C-alpha atoms as a PDB file:
ATOM      1  CA  UNK A   1      -6.016 -27.115 -56.105  1.00  0.00           C
ATOM      2  CA  UNK A   2      -2.338 -28.820 -56.441  1.00  0.00           C
ATOM      3  CA  UNK A   3      -3.420 -31.233 -53.566  1.00  0.00           C
ATOM      4  CA  UNK A   4      -6.716 -31.859 -55.356  1.00  0.00           C
ATOM      5  CA  UNK A   5      -4.913 -32.144 -58.782  1.00  0.00           C
ATOM      6  CA  UNK A   6      -2.495 -34.853 -56.978  1.00  0.00           C
ATOM      7  CA  UNK A   7      -5.117 -37.020 -55.334  1.00  0.00           C
ATOM      8  CA  UNK A   8      -6.787 -37.096 -58.766  1.00  0.00           C
ATOM      9  CA  UNK A   9      -3.699 -38.621 -60.443  1.00  0.00           C
ATOM     10  CA  UNK A  10      -3.100 -40.715 -57.349  1.00  0.00           C
ATOM     11  CA  UNK A  11      -6.624 -42.206 -57.827  1.00  0.00           C
ATOM     12  CA  UNK A  12      -6.211 -42.676 -61.491  1.00  0.00           C
ATOM     13  CA  UNK A  13      -3.374 -44.607 -60.762  1.00  0.00           C
ATOM     14  CA  UNK A  14      -5.453 -47.060 -58.788  1.00  0.00           C
ATOM     15  CA  UNK A  15      -7.929 -47.287 -61.476  1.00  0.00           C
ATOM     16  CA  UNK A  16      -5.155 -48.223 -63.858  1.00  0.00           C
ATOM     17  CA  UNK A  17      -3.807 -50.928 -61.553  1.00  0.00           C
ATOM     18  CA  UNK A  18      -7.175 -52.567 -61.309  1.00  0.00           C
ATOM     19  CA  UNK A  19      -7.492 -52.406 -65.492  1.00  0.00           C
ATOM     20  CA  UNK A  20      -4.007 -53.694 -65.733  1.00  0.00           C
ATOM     21  CA  UNK A  21      -5.153 -57.192 -63.360  1.00  0.00           C
ATOM     22  CA  UNK A  22      -7.973 -57.533 -65.984  1.00  0.00           C
ATOM     23  CA  UNK A  23      -6.119 -57.401 -68.834  1.00  0.00           C
ATOM     24  CA  UNK A  24      -5.184 -60.647 -71.159  1.00  0.00           C
ATOM     25  CA  UNK A  25      -1.883 -61.249 -70.232  1.00  0.00           C
ATOM     26  CA  UNK A  26      -0.661 -62.660 -73.800  1.00  0.00           C
ATOM     27  CA  UNK A  27      -2.412 -59.703 -75.621  1.00  0.00           C
ATOM     28  CA  UNK A  28      -0.474 -57.565 -73.132  1.00  0.00           C
ATOM     29  CA  UNK A  29       2.902 -58.876 -73.816  1.00  0.00           C
ATOM     30  CA  UNK A  30       2.369 -58.756 -77.673  1.00  0.00           C
ATOM     31  CA  UNK A  31       1.460 -54.956 -77.581  1.00  0.00           C
ATOM     32  CA  UNK A  32       4.426 -54.389 -75.044  1.00  0.00           C
ATOM     33  CA  UNK A  33       7.028 -56.921 -75.633  1.00  0.00           C
ATOM     34  CA  UNK A  34       9.623 -55.308 -73.760  1.00  0.00           C
ATOM     35  CA  UNK A  35       7.914 -56.441 -70.612  1.00  0.00           C
ATOM     36  CA  UNK A  36       9.053 -59.250 -68.513  1.00  0.00           C
ATOM     37  CA  UNK A  37       7.903 -61.368 -65.802  1.00  0.00           C
ATOM     38  CA  UNK A  38      10.289 -61.673 -62.871  1.00  0.00           C
ATOM     39  CA  UNK A  39       9.541 -62.747 -59.343  1.00  0.00           C
ATOM     40  CA  UNK A  40       5.843 -61.635 -59.012  1.00  0.00           C
ATOM     41  CA  UNK A  41       6.304 -58.730 -61.314  1.00  0.00           C
ATOM     42  CA  UNK A  42       5.941 -57.516 -64.687  1.00  0.00           C
ATOM     43  CA  UNK A  43       9.007 -55.373 -65.139  1.00  0.00           C
ATOM     44  CA  UNK A  44       9.998 -52.480 -67.321  1.00  0.00           C
ATOM     45  CA  UNK A  45      12.563 -49.761 -67.647  1.00  0.00           C
ATOM     46  CA  UNK A  46      11.329 -46.141 -67.674  1.00  0.00           C
ATOM     47  CA  UNK A  47      14.217 -43.734 -68.119  1.00  0.00           C
ATOM     48  CA  UNK A  48      16.759 -46.177 -67.389  1.00  0.00           C
ATOM     49  CA  UNK A  49      14.713 -46.952 -64.194  1.00  0.00           C
ATOM     50  CA  UNK A  50      13.906 -50.549 -63.408  1.00  0.00           C
ATOM     51  CA  UNK A  51      10.293 -50.889 -62.287  1.00  0.00           C
ATOM     52  CA  UNK A  52       7.871 -53.783 -61.345  1.00  0.00           C
ATOM     53  CA  UNK A  53       3.950 -53.968 -61.814  1.00  0.00           C
ATOM     54  CA  UNK A  54       2.721 -56.094 -59.085  1.00  0.00           C
ATOM     55  CA  UNK A  55       0.778 -59.270 -60.382  1.00  0.00           C
ATOM     56  CA  UNK A  56      -1.153 -59.463 -57.137  1.00  0.00           C
ATOM     57  CA  UNK A  57      -2.594 -55.995 -57.409  1.00  0.00           C
ATOM     58  CA  UNK A  58      -1.038 -54.119 -60.320  1.00  0.00           C
ATOM     59  CA  UNK A  59       0.802 -51.498 -58.106  1.00  0.00           C
ATOM     60  CA  UNK A  60       3.750 -50.017 -59.371  1.00  0.00           C
ATOM     61  CA  UNK A  61       7.210 -50.215 -57.422  1.00  0.00           C
ATOM     62  CA  UNK A  62      10.951 -49.608 -57.712  1.00  0.00           C
ATOM     63  CA  UNK A  63      13.111 -52.527 -58.665  1.00  0.00           C
ATOM     64  CA  UNK A  64      16.625 -50.633 -58.647  1.00  0.00           C
ATOM     65  CA  UNK A  65      16.944 -49.682 -54.995  1.00  0.00           C
ATOM     66  CA  UNK A  66      16.157 -46.023 -55.540  1.00  0.00           C
ATOM     67  CA  UNK A  67      13.323 -43.999 -54.702  1.00  0.00           C
ATOM     68  CA  UNK A  68       9.926 -45.264 -55.483  1.00  0.00           C
ATOM     69  CA  UNK A  69       8.051 -43.834 -58.661  1.00  0.00           C
ATOM     70  CA  UNK A  70       6.529 -40.459 -58.646  1.00  0.00           C
ATOM     71  CA  UNK A  71       2.745 -40.565 -59.644  1.00  0.00           C
ATOM     72  CA  UNK A  72       3.282 -39.472 -63.140  1.00  0.00           C
ATOM     73  CA  UNK A  73       6.063 -42.280 -63.534  1.00  0.00           C
ATOM     74  CA  UNK A  74       3.434 -44.790 -62.846  1.00  0.00           C
ATOM     75  CA  UNK A  75       1.014 -43.120 -64.925  1.00  0.00           C
ATOM     76  CA  UNK A  76       3.440 -43.206 -68.042  1.00  0.00           C
ATOM     77  CA  UNK A  77       3.856 -47.088 -67.405  1.00  0.00           C
ATOM     78  CA  UNK A  78       0.149 -47.684 -66.670  1.00  0.00           C
ATOM     79  CA  UNK A  79      -0.976 -45.910 -70.126  1.00  0.00           C
ATOM     80  CA  UNK A  80       1.782 -47.541 -72.049  1.00  0.00           C
ATOM     81  CA  UNK A  81       0.288 -50.696 -71.244  1.00  0.00           C
ATOM     82  CA  UNK A  82      -3.457 -49.413 -71.776  1.00  0.00           C
ATOM     83  CA  UNK A  83      -2.690 -47.839 -75.124  1.00  0.00           C
ATOM     84  CA  UNK A  84       0.079 -49.647 -77.033  1.00  0.00           C
ATOM     85  CA  UNK A  85      -1.490 -50.883 -80.109  1.00  0.00           C
ATOM     86  CA  UNK A  86      -0.656 -54.179 -81.458  1.00  0.00           C
ATOM     87  CA  UNK A  87       1.718 -54.125 -84.162  1.00  0.00           C
ATOM     88  CA  UNK A  88       2.930 -50.549 -83.396  1.00  0.00           C
ATOM     89  CA  UNK A  89       6.529 -50.337 -84.624  1.00  0.00           C
ATOM     90  CA  UNK A  90       9.304 -47.927 -84.670  1.00  0.00           C
ATOM     91  CA  UNK A  91       9.393 -45.778 -87.533  1.00  0.00           C
ATOM     92  CA  UNK A  92      12.588 -43.747 -87.282  1.00  0.00           C
ATOM     93  CA  UNK A  93      10.397 -40.738 -88.232  1.00  0.00           C
ATOM     94  CA  UNK A  94      11.710 -37.815 -85.675  1.00  0.00           C
ATOM     95  CA  UNK A  95       9.655 -34.878 -85.250  1.00  0.00           C
ATOM     96  CA  UNK A  96       8.595 -32.354 -82.932  1.00  0.00           C
ATOM     97  CA  UNK A  97       5.818 -32.652 -80.476  1.00  0.00           C
ATOM     98  CA  UNK A  98       3.495 -30.400 -82.272  1.00  0.00           C
ATOM     99  CA  UNK A  99       3.490 -32.935 -85.179  1.00  0.00           C
ATOM    100  CA  UNK A 100       2.803 -35.761 -83.441  1.00  0.00           C
ATOM    101  CA  UNK A 101      -0.953 -37.006 -84.179  1.00  0.00           C
ATOM    102  CA  UNK A 102      -3.592 -34.893 -82.201  1.00  0.00           C
ATOM    103  CA  UNK A 103      -0.759 -32.973 -80.483  1.00  0.00           C
ATOM    104  CA  UNK A 104      -1.362 -29.537 -81.923  1.00  0.00           C
ATOM    105  CA  UNK A 105      -3.862 -28.049 -79.574  1.00  0.00           C
ATOM    106  CA  UNK A 106      -1.421 -29.021 -76.707  1.00  0.00           C
ATOM    107  CA  UNK A 107       1.905 -27.664 -78.395  1.00  0.00           C
ATOM    108  CA  UNK A 108       1.665 -24.269 -76.695  1.00  0.00           C
ATOM    109  CA  UNK A 109       1.528 -25.232 -73.093  1.00  0.00           C
ATOM    110  CA  UNK A 110       4.181 -27.943 -73.989  1.00  0.00           C
ATOM    111  CA  UNK A 111       6.722 -25.576 -74.973  1.00  0.00           C
ATOM    112  CA  UNK A 112       6.213 -23.574 -71.845  1.00  0.00           C
ATOM    113  CA  UNK A 113       5.774 -26.533 -69.669  1.00  0.00           C
ATOM    114  CA  UNK A 114       8.877 -28.741 -71.285  1.00  0.00           C
ATOM    115  CA  UNK A 115      11.055 -27.512 -74.022  1.00  0.00           C
ATOM    116  CA  UNK A 116      11.408 -23.933 -72.191  1.00  0.00           C
ATOM    117  CA  UNK A 117      11.842 -25.620 -68.942  1.00  0.00           C
ATOM    118  CA  UNK A 118      14.458 -28.027 -70.113  1.00  0.00           C
ATOM    119  CA  UNK A 119      16.245 -24.885 -71.846  1.00  0.00           C
ATOM    120  CA  UNK A 120      16.043 -22.918 -68.562  1.00  0.00           C
ATOM    121  CA  UNK A 121      16.903 -26.148 -66.074  1.00  0.00           C
ATOM    122  CA  UNK A 122      20.170 -26.744 -67.857  1.00  0.00           C
ATOM    123  CA  UNK A 123      21.375 -23.341 -69.125  1.00  0.00           C
ATOM    124  CA  UNK A 124      25.089 -22.860 -67.936  1.00  0.00           C
ATOM    125  CA  UNK A 125      25.001 -26.515 -67.315  1.00  0.00           C
ATOM    126  CA  UNK A 126      25.967 -28.134 -70.927  1.00  0.00           C
ATOM    127  CA  UNK A 127      28.645 -30.609 -69.027  1.00  0.00           C
ATOM    128  CA  UNK A 128      26.064 -32.038 -66.428  1.00  0.00           C
ATOM    129  CA  UNK A 129      23.629 -32.383 -68.879  1.00  0.00           C
ATOM    130  CA  UNK A 130      26.068 -34.486 -71.226  1.00  0.00           C
ATOM    131  CA  UNK A 131      27.240 -36.580 -68.128  1.00  0.00           C
ATOM    132  CA  UNK A 132      23.486 -37.448 -67.377  1.00  0.00           C
ATOM    133  CA  UNK A 133      22.770 -38.517 -70.969  1.00  0.00           C
ATOM    134  CA  UNK A 134      26.052 -40.711 -71.046  1.00  0.00           C
ATOM    135  CA  UNK A 135      24.848 -42.307 -67.298  1.00  0.00           C
ATOM    136  CA  UNK A 136      21.431 -42.908 -69.015  1.00  0.00           C
ATOM    137  CA  UNK A 137      23.401 -44.744 -71.692  1.00  0.00           C
ATOM    138  CA  UNK A 138      22.623 -42.132 -74.182  1.00  0.00           C
ATOM    139  CA  UNK A 139      23.506 -42.261 -77.952  1.00  0.00           C
ATOM    140  CA  UNK A 140      25.430 -38.890 -78.881  1.00  0.00           C
ATOM    141  CA  UNK A 141      23.891 -36.945 -81.706  1.00  0.00           C
ATOM    142  CA  UNK A 142      25.988 -34.453 -83.914  1.00  0.00           C
ATOM    143  CA  UNK A 143      23.015 -31.460 -83.817  1.00  0.00           C
ATOM    144  CA  UNK A 144      23.461 -28.781 -81.074  1.00  0.00           C
ATOM    145  CA  UNK A 145      25.674 -28.515 -78.168  1.00  0.00           C
ATOM    146  CA  UNK A 146      24.431 -31.638 -76.512  1.00  0.00           C
ATOM    147  CA  UNK A 147      22.575 -33.765 -78.406  1.00  0.00           C
ATOM    148  CA  UNK A 148      21.639 -37.298 -77.456  1.00  0.00           C
ATOM    149  CA  UNK A 149      19.113 -39.989 -77.893  1.00  0.00           C
ATOM    150  CA  UNK A 150      17.555 -41.813 -75.035  1.00  0.00           C
ATOM    151  CA  UNK A 151      15.070 -44.603 -74.223  1.00  0.00           C
ATOM    152  CA  UNK A 152      11.929 -43.360 -72.321  1.00  0.00           C
ATOM    153  CA  UNK A 153      10.727 -47.057 -72.782  1.00  0.00           C
ATOM    154  CA  UNK A 154      12.569 -49.536 -74.747  1.00  0.00           C
ATOM    155  CA  UNK A 155       9.894 -48.874 -77.657  1.00  0.00           C
ATOM    156  CA  UNK A 156       9.691 -44.960 -77.274  1.00  0.00           C
ATOM    157  CA  UNK A 157      13.299 -43.662 -77.981  1.00  0.00           C
ATOM    158  CA  UNK A 158      13.513 -39.616 -77.623  1.00  0.00           C
ATOM    159  CA  UNK A 159      16.054 -36.903 -78.969  1.00  0.00           C
ATOM    160  CA  UNK A 160      16.988 -34.412 -76.866  1.00  0.00           C
ATOM    161  CA  UNK A 161      18.743 -31.206 -78.404  1.00  0.00           C
ATOM    162  CA  UNK A 162      20.210 -28.502 -76.454  1.00  0.00           C
ATOM    163  CA  UNK A 163      22.179 -24.922 -77.062  1.00  0.00           C
ATOM    164  CA  UNK A 164      23.692 -23.546 -74.033  1.00  0.00           C
ATOM    165  CA  UNK A 165      23.821 -19.629 -73.700  1.00  0.00           C
ATOM    166  CA  UNK A 166      26.326 -17.390 -74.898  1.00  0.00           C
ATOM    167  CA  UNK A 167      26.652 -13.362 -75.039  1.00  0.00           C
ATOM    168  CA  UNK A 168      23.796 -13.191 -77.774  1.00  0.00           C
ATOM    169  CA  UNK A 169      21.341 -15.887 -77.130  1.00  0.00           C
ATOM    170  CA  UNK A 170      19.685 -17.587 -74.072  1.00  0.00           C
ATOM    171  CA  UNK A 171      19.690 -21.314 -74.007  1.00  0.00           C
ATOM    172  CA  UNK A 172      17.482 -23.313 -76.340  1.00  0.00           C
ATOM    173  CA  UNK A 173      16.454 -26.841 -76.190  1.00  0.00           C
ATOM    174  CA  UNK A 174      14.497 -29.094 -78.456  1.00  0.00           C
ATOM    175  CA  UNK A 175      13.062 -32.735 -77.594  1.00  0.00           C
ATOM    176  CA  UNK A 176      11.790 -35.101 -80.960  1.00  0.00           C
ATOM    177  CA  UNK A 177       9.852 -37.978 -80.924  1.00  0.00           C
ATOM    178  CA  UNK A 178       9.373 -40.775 -83.161  1.00  0.00           C
ATOM    179  CA  UNK A 179       5.982 -40.568 -85.163  1.00  0.00           C
ATOM    180  CA  UNK A 180       5.099 -43.863 -83.941  1.00  0.00           C
ATOM    181  CA  UNK A 181       5.062 -42.527 -80.034  1.00  0.00           C
ATOM    182  CA  UNK A 182       1.152 -42.172 -80.441  1.00  0.00           C
ATOM    183  CA  UNK A 183       0.967 -45.868 -81.415  1.00  0.00           C
ATOM    184  CA  UNK A 184       2.500 -46.663 -78.165  1.00  0.00           C
ATOM    185  CA  UNK A 185       0.879 -44.102 -75.634  1.00  0.00           C
ATOM    186  CA  UNK A 186      -1.989 -41.550 -75.638  1.00  0.00           C
ATOM    187  CA  UNK A 187      -0.557 -38.098 -76.857  1.00  0.00           C
ATOM    188  CA  UNK A 188      -1.130 -36.518 -73.978  1.00  0.00           C
ATOM    189  CA  UNK A 189       0.876 -38.850 -72.383  1.00  0.00           C
ATOM    190  CA  UNK A 190       4.005 -37.659 -74.494  1.00  0.00           C
ATOM    191  CA  UNK A 191       3.662 -34.631 -72.456  1.00  0.00           C
ATOM    192  CA  UNK A 192       4.305 -36.239 -69.213  1.00  0.00           C
ATOM    193  CA  UNK A 193       6.829 -38.468 -70.753  1.00  0.00           C
ATOM    194  CA  UNK A 194       8.995 -35.579 -71.553  1.00  0.00           C
ATOM    195  CA  UNK A 195       8.228 -34.149 -68.450  1.00  0.00           C
ATOM    196  CA  UNK A 196       9.937 -37.055 -66.790  1.00  0.00           C
ATOM    197  CA  UNK A 197      12.873 -37.327 -69.017  1.00  0.00           C
ATOM    198  CA  UNK A 198      13.604 -33.749 -67.882  1.00  0.00           C
ATOM    199  CA  UNK A 199      12.892 -34.218 -64.258  1.00  0.00           C
ATOM    200  CA  UNK A 200      15.241 -37.728 -64.586  1.00  0.00           C
ATOM    201  CA  UNK A 201      18.260 -35.613 -66.414  1.00  0.00           C
ATOM    202  CA  UNK A 202      18.000 -32.820 -63.729  1.00  0.00           C
ATOM    203  CA  UNK A 203      17.883 -35.523 -60.895  1.00  0.00           C
ATOM    204  CA  UNK A 204      20.746 -37.287 -62.349  1.00  0.00           C
ATOM    205  CA  UNK A 205      22.397 -33.575 -62.541  1.00  0.00           C
ATOM    206  CA  UNK A 206      21.939 -32.299 -59.360  1.00  0.00           C
ATOM    207  CA  UNK A 207      20.318 -29.403 -60.633  1.00  0.00           C
ATOM    208  CA  UNK A 208      16.844 -28.136 -59.783  1.00  0.00           C
ATOM    209  CA  UNK A 209      13.679 -27.955 -62.051  1.00  0.00           C
ATOM    210  CA  UNK A 210      13.442 -24.266 -63.332  1.00  0.00           C
ATOM    211  CA  UNK A 211      10.787 -22.719 -65.317  1.00  0.00           C
ATOM    212  CA  UNK A 212       6.928 -23.600 -65.151  1.00  0.00           C
ATOM    213  CA  UNK A 213       7.067 -27.045 -65.207  1.00  0.00           C
ATOM    214  CA  UNK A 214       4.087 -29.765 -65.417  1.00  0.00           C
ATOM    215  CA  UNK A 215       5.765 -31.523 -62.564  1.00  0.00           C
ATOM    216  CA  UNK A 216       4.053 -33.099 -60.176  1.00  0.00           C
ATOM    217  CA  UNK A 217       5.171 -36.274 -57.815  1.00  0.00           C
END
């Protein structure tokens, strides 16, 4: 079943690559103004990493010398390009995932697969988490033992809050989106974007993902 799921996502990426090639370029730049044209690629940053969408076949590759993008990283980029609405804008209205438009049905699974995983992965590792946020250019926030705002994409900032475990309580975490997030991407993509943020933070921290993650390469 896992192999079948992965192959389905790979197939979806191939379909998206074809769709990107057929999109009106000027419309794409209006909807996603952070895109840049560089040496045969449309370039974009996702959680601090630079990726290129080939202007030849629509495929996505790494442009920062690190590993190639995981399938879900590529899907996050494709769905941003496909779903971003013209005129969408940052609202500075921060909400948990469940309060995004049409997100409520996915909220229980999101808690298990994302916020619980975030808490468990960094339990006892607050300093490693802080350093990871700093390496991603995060903006420190006053709430939580560790709280930072980082950018999934230039148009999609996210806020991560973490309270480490103590003698009485287990570690707790929360992730907030700007309410505009579903104007830039599909609501289900908010799940995989949060997932990718946790994975990126764990990757930088050198920690394994813990809990029932949605993770898929």
